[in-house]
Amino acid sequence: MKQTDESLHEARIATKQLRYVMELADAGGMKRCKPELKFLKGVQELLGEHHDVHVILAVLEKRVTPTATWQKWRQAKEQEQAERAASFFAKSCQWLIQPLVF
């Protein structure tokens, strides 16, 4: 799937749901879930940062007068967003290569 802002937000929600289910299982005595929970928390935080910046940029876009300084700052944030999306892609590949063990 193309990594749009919306699809990355949906991935964050799915990650959060899986993490919460696994936390319940872990509370039930499946202590071997600890590495997977740490991995999922990292993915959730990464995607949360991406979503937060997306929302902030959308709000500022409506309120800031375009200037050279604004454009430079916005481009820097978009580059950071691209790096977050690439990191998520890499983590997704890691997930596929080393699936979670229940």
N, C-alpha and C. Protein backbone atom coordinates (compact mmCIF):
# COMPACT_ATOMS: atom_id res chain seq x y z
N MET A 1 0.84 -1.17 0.00
CA MET A 1 0.00 0.00 0.00
C MET A 1 0.89 1.23 0.00
N LYS A 2 0.50 2.25 -0.72
CA LYS A 2 1.24 3.50 -0.72
C LYS A 2 1.20 4.12 0.67
N GLN A 3 2.32 4.66 1.09
CA GLN A 3 2.40 5.23 2.43
C GLN A 3 1.90 6.68 2.43
N THR A 4 0.61 6.82 2.46
CA THR A 4 0.01 8.15 2.58
C THR A 4 -0.13 8.48 4.06
N ASP A 5 -0.39 9.75 4.35
CA ASP A 5 -0.60 10.13 5.74
C ASP A 5 -1.74 9.32 6.36
N GLU A 6 -2.79 9.11 5.57
CA GLU A 6 -3.95 8.37 6.07
C GLU A 6 -3.63 6.90 6.30
N SER A 7 -2.90 6.28 5.37
CA SER A 7 -2.58 4.86 5.55
C SER A 7 -1.62 4.65 6.71
N LEU A 8 -0.72 5.59 6.94
CA LEU A 8 0.18 5.47 8.08
C LEU A 8 -0.58 5.64 9.39
N HIS A 9 -1.57 6.50 9.40
CA HIS A 9 -2.39 6.66 10.60
C HIS A 9 -3.20 5.39 10.85
N GLU A 10 -3.74 4.78 9.80
CA GLU A 10 -4.46 3.51 9.96
C GLU A 10 -3.53 2.42 10.47
N ALA A 11 -2.29 2.43 10.01
CA ALA A 11 -1.31 1.45 10.49
C ALA A 11 -1.02 1.67 11.97
N ARG A 12 -0.99 2.92 12.40
CA ARG A 12 -0.78 3.23 13.82
C ARG A 12 -1.92 2.67 14.66
N ILE A 13 -3.14 2.85 14.20
CA ILE A 13 -4.31 2.35 14.93
C ILE A 13 -4.25 0.83 15.02
N ALA A 14 -3.93 0.16 13.92
CA ALA A 14 -3.84 -1.30 13.92
C ALA A 14 -2.72 -1.78 14.84
N THR A 15 -1.60 -1.07 14.83
CA THR A 15 -0.48 -1.42 15.71
C THR A 15 -0.89 -1.29 17.17
N LYS A 16 -1.60 -0.20 17.47
CA LYS A 16 -2.05 0.03 18.84
C LYS A 16 -2.99 -1.09 19.29
N GLN A 17 -3.90 -1.48 18.43
CA GLN A 17 -4.84 -2.55 18.79
C GLN A 17 -4.12 -3.86 19.04
N LEU A 18 -3.18 -4.21 18.16
CA LEU A 18 -2.41 -5.45 18.34
C LEU A 18 -1.60 -5.39 19.63
N ARG A 19 -0.98 -4.25 19.88
CA ARG A 19 -0.18 -4.10 21.09
C ARG A 19 -1.03 -4.31 22.33
N TYR A 20 -2.22 -3.72 22.35
CA TYR A 20 -3.08 -3.85 23.53
C TYR A 20 -3.52 -5.30 23.74
N VAL A 21 -3.82 -6.00 22.66
CA VAL A 21 -4.20 -7.41 22.78
C VAL A 21 -3.01 -8.22 23.33
N MET A 22 -1.83 -7.92 22.83
CA MET A 22 -0.65 -8.64 23.29
C MET A 22 -0.32 -8.30 24.75
N GLU A 23 -0.59 -7.06 25.15
CA GLU A 23 -0.37 -6.70 26.56
C GLU A 23 -1.31 -7.49 27.47
N LEU A 24 -2.54 -7.70 27.01
CA LEU A 24 -3.47 -8.53 27.78
C LEU A 24 -2.96 -9.96 27.89
N ALA A 25 -2.48 -10.48 26.78
CA ALA A 25 -1.93 -11.84 26.78
C ALA A 25 -0.71 -11.90 27.70
N ASP A 26 0.12 -10.87 27.66
CA ASP A 26 1.31 -10.83 28.49
C ASP A 26 0.94 -10.79 29.97
N ALA A 27 -0.11 -10.04 30.30
CA ALA A 27 -0.59 -9.98 31.68
C ALA A 27 -1.11 -11.35 32.13
N GLY A 28 -1.53 -12.15 31.15
CA GLY A 28 -2.03 -13.48 31.45
C GLY A 28 -0.92 -14.52 31.60
N GLY A 29 0.31 -14.09 31.56
CA GLY A 29 1.42 -15.00 31.82
C GLY A 29 2.30 -15.32 30.62
N MET A 30 2.04 -14.72 29.45
CA MET A 30 2.88 -14.98 28.27
C MET A 30 4.07 -14.02 28.28
N LYS A 31 5.01 -14.24 29.16
CA LYS A 31 6.14 -13.32 29.33
C LYS A 31 7.02 -13.24 28.09
N ARG A 32 6.90 -14.17 27.20
CA ARG A 32 7.75 -14.13 26.01
C ARG A 32 7.33 -13.05 25.02
N CYS A 33 6.28 -12.32 25.32
CA CYS A 33 5.83 -11.24 24.44
C CYS A 33 6.62 -9.95 24.62
N LYS A 34 7.49 -9.87 25.60
CA LYS A 34 8.18 -8.61 25.91
C LYS A 34 8.92 -8.01 24.71
N PRO A 35 9.71 -8.77 23.95
CA PRO A 35 10.40 -8.16 22.80
C PRO A 35 9.43 -7.65 21.74
N GLU A 36 8.36 -8.38 21.52
CA GLU A 36 7.37 -7.97 20.53
C GLU A 36 6.65 -6.71 20.97
N LEU A 37 6.34 -6.63 22.27
CA LEU A 37 5.67 -5.44 22.78
C LEU A 37 6.57 -4.21 22.64
N LYS A 38 7.84 -4.38 22.91
CA LYS A 38 8.79 -3.27 22.75
C LYS A 38 8.84 -2.83 21.28
N PHE A 39 8.88 -3.79 20.38
CA PHE A 39 8.90 -3.49 18.95
C PHE A 39 7.63 -2.72 18.54
N LEU A 40 6.47 -3.23 18.96
CA LEU A 40 5.20 -2.58 18.60
C LEU A 40 5.09 -1.18 19.20
N LYS A 41 5.57 -1.01 20.40
CA LYS A 41 5.54 0.32 21.02
C LYS A 41 6.38 1.30 20.22
N GLY A 42 7.55 0.85 19.76
CA GLY A 42 8.40 1.70 18.94
C GLY A 42 7.73 2.10 17.63
N VAL A 43 7.07 1.14 16.99
CA VAL A 43 6.36 1.42 15.74
C VAL A 43 5.22 2.39 16.01
N GLN A 44 4.49 2.16 17.08
CA GLN A 44 3.36 3.04 17.43
C GLN A 44 3.85 4.46 17.69
N GLU A 45 4.96 4.62 18.40
CA GLU A 45 5.51 5.96 18.68
C GLU A 45 5.96 6.64 17.40
N LEU A 46 6.62 5.89 16.53
CA LEU A 46 7.08 6.45 15.25
C LEU A 46 5.89 6.96 14.43
N LEU A 47 4.86 6.15 14.33
CA LEU A 47 3.68 6.55 13.56
C LEU A 47 2.90 7.66 14.26
N GLY A 48 2.95 7.69 15.59
CA GLY A 48 2.31 8.78 16.33
C GLY A 48 2.99 10.11 16.04
N GLU A 49 4.31 10.12 16.01
CA GLU A 49 5.05 11.33 15.67
C GLU A 49 4.70 11.79 14.26
N HIS A 50 4.62 10.83 13.35
CA HIS A 50 4.28 11.17 11.96
C HIS A 50 2.90 11.83 11.91
N HIS A 51 1.93 11.26 12.59
CA HIS A 51 0.58 11.81 12.57
C HIS A 51 0.53 13.19 13.23
N ASP A 52 1.22 13.36 14.34
CA ASP A 52 1.24 14.65 15.02
C ASP A 52 1.78 15.75 14.11
N VAL A 53 2.88 15.48 13.44
CA VAL A 53 3.46 16.47 12.54
C VAL A 53 2.52 16.76 11.37
N HIS A 54 1.89 15.72 10.86
CA HIS A 54 0.93 15.90 9.76
C HIS A 54 -0.19 16.85 10.18
N VAL A 55 -0.73 16.65 11.37
CA VAL A 55 -1.82 17.51 11.86
C VAL A 55 -1.32 18.94 12.09
N ILE A 56 -0.14 19.08 12.69
CA ILE A 56 0.42 20.41 12.95
C ILE A 56 0.65 21.16 11.64
N LEU A 57 1.22 20.48 10.66
CA LEU A 57 1.45 21.12 9.36
C LEU A 57 0.14 21.56 8.71
N ALA A 58 -0.88 20.73 8.80
CA ALA A 58 -2.17 21.08 8.20
C ALA A 58 -2.77 22.32 8.86
N VAL A 59 -2.65 22.41 10.17
CA VAL A 59 -3.19 23.57 10.88
C VAL A 59 -2.39 24.82 10.53
N LEU A 60 -1.06 24.71 10.57
CA LEU A 60 -0.22 25.87 10.27
C LEU A 60 -0.38 26.34 8.83
N GLU A 61 -0.55 25.41 7.93
CA GLU A 61 -0.71 25.74 6.51
C GLU A 61 -1.86 26.73 6.30
N LYS A 62 -2.90 26.59 7.12
CA LYS A 62 -4.07 27.47 7.00
C LYS A 62 -3.85 28.83 7.65
N ARG A 63 -2.88 28.90 8.57
CA ARG A 63 -2.74 30.11 9.38
C ARG A 63 -1.47 30.92 9.13
N VAL A 64 -0.50 30.35 8.47
CA VAL A 64 0.79 31.02 8.27
C VAL A 64 0.87 31.63 6.87
N THR A 65 1.34 32.84 6.83
CA THR A 65 1.57 33.49 5.54
C THR A 65 2.83 32.89 4.94
N PRO A 66 2.73 32.41 3.70
CA PRO A 66 3.90 31.79 3.07
C PRO A 66 5.07 32.78 2.93
N THR A 67 6.19 32.43 3.49
CA THR A 67 7.43 33.18 3.37
C THR A 67 8.53 32.19 3.06
N ALA A 68 9.69 32.72 2.74
CA ALA A 68 10.83 31.84 2.47
C ALA A 68 11.19 31.02 3.70
N THR A 69 11.12 31.64 4.86
CA THR A 69 11.42 30.95 6.11
C THR A 69 10.42 29.84 6.36
N TRP A 70 9.14 30.12 6.14
CA TRP A 70 8.10 29.11 6.32
C TRP A 70 8.31 27.94 5.37
N GLN A 71 8.60 28.24 4.11
CA GLN A 71 8.80 27.18 3.12
C GLN A 71 9.99 26.30 3.50
N LYS A 72 11.05 26.93 3.99
CA LYS A 72 12.24 26.16 4.38
C LYS A 72 11.91 25.26 5.57
N TRP A 73 11.20 25.80 6.56
CA TRP A 73 10.83 25.01 7.73
C TRP A 73 9.91 23.86 7.33
N ARG A 74 8.93 24.17 6.47
CA ARG A 74 7.98 23.16 6.02
C ARG A 74 8.68 22.04 5.25
N GLN A 75 9.62 22.41 4.39
CA GLN A 75 10.37 21.40 3.64
C GLN A 75 11.18 20.51 4.58
N ALA A 76 11.76 21.10 5.63
CA ALA A 76 12.51 20.32 6.60
C ALA A 76 11.59 19.32 7.30
N LYS A 77 10.38 19.76 7.66
CA LYS A 77 9.41 18.87 8.31
C LYS A 77 8.96 17.77 7.35
N GLU A 78 8.77 18.10 6.09
CA GLU A 78 8.37 17.09 5.11
C GLU A 78 9.48 16.06 4.91
N GLN A 79 10.73 16.50 4.99
CA GLN A 79 11.86 15.56 4.88
C GLN A 79 11.87 14.62 6.10
N GLU A 80 11.62 15.18 7.27
CA GLU A 80 11.54 14.35 8.47
C GLU A 80 10.39 13.34 8.34
N GLN A 81 9.28 13.78 7.77
CA GLN A 81 8.14 12.88 7.57
C GLN A 81 8.51 11.74 6.63
N ALA A 82 9.23 12.07 5.58
CA ALA A 82 9.66 11.04 4.63
C ALA A 82 10.58 10.03 5.32
N GLU A 83 11.44 10.52 6.21
CA GLU A 83 12.34 9.63 6.94
C GLU A 83 11.55 8.74 7.90
N ARG A 84 10.52 9.28 8.53
CA ARG A 84 9.68 8.45 9.41
C ARG A 84 8.96 7.37 8.59
N ALA A 85 8.44 7.75 7.43
CA ALA A 85 7.74 6.78 6.58
C ALA A 85 8.71 5.69 6.12
N ALA A 86 9.93 6.07 5.78
CA ALA A 86 10.93 5.09 5.36
C ALA A 86 11.30 4.16 6.52
N SER A 87 11.39 4.73 7.72
CA SER A 87 11.68 3.91 8.89
C SER A 87 10.55 2.92 9.15
N PHE A 88 9.32 3.36 8.99
CA PHE A 88 8.19 2.45 9.16
C PHE A 88 8.25 1.33 8.12
N PHE A 89 8.59 1.68 6.88
CA PHE A 89 8.71 0.67 5.83
C PHE A 89 9.77 -0.36 6.21
N ALA A 90 10.91 0.11 6.72
CA ALA A 90 11.98 -0.80 7.13
C ALA A 90 11.53 -1.70 8.27
N LYS A 91 10.83 -1.11 9.24
CA LYS A 91 10.34 -1.91 10.36
C LYS A 91 9.28 -2.91 9.89
N SER A 92 8.47 -2.52 8.92
CA SER A 92 7.47 -3.45 8.36
C SER A 92 8.16 -4.64 7.72
N CYS A 93 9.23 -4.37 7.00
CA CYS A 93 10.00 -5.46 6.38
C CYS A 93 10.61 -6.35 7.44
N GLN A 94 11.12 -5.74 8.51
CA GLN A 94 11.67 -6.52 9.62
C GLN A 94 10.59 -7.43 10.20
N TRP A 95 9.40 -6.90 10.32
CA TRP A 95 8.26 -7.66 10.85
C TRP A 95 7.99 -8.88 9.96
N LEU A 96 8.03 -8.68 8.65
CA LEU A 96 7.75 -9.77 7.72
C LEU A 96 8.85 -10.84 7.75
N ILE A 97 10.07 -10.40 7.92
CA ILE A 97 11.21 -11.33 7.94
C ILE A 97 11.25 -12.11 9.25
N GLN A 98 10.96 -11.42 10.36
CA GLN A 98 11.00 -12.04 11.68
C GLN A 98 9.64 -11.89 12.33
N PRO A 99 8.68 -12.73 11.94
CA PRO A 99 7.33 -12.57 12.49
C PRO A 99 7.28 -12.80 13.99
N LEU A 100 6.26 -12.23 14.59
CA LEU A 100 6.07 -12.42 16.02
C LEU A 100 5.76 -13.87 16.33
N VAL A 101 6.25 -14.33 17.45
CA VAL A 101 6.03 -15.71 17.89
C VAL A 101 5.12 -15.67 19.10
N PHE A 102 4.01 -16.38 19.02
CA PHE A 102 3.09 -16.44 20.15
C PHE A 102 3.23 -17.77 20.85
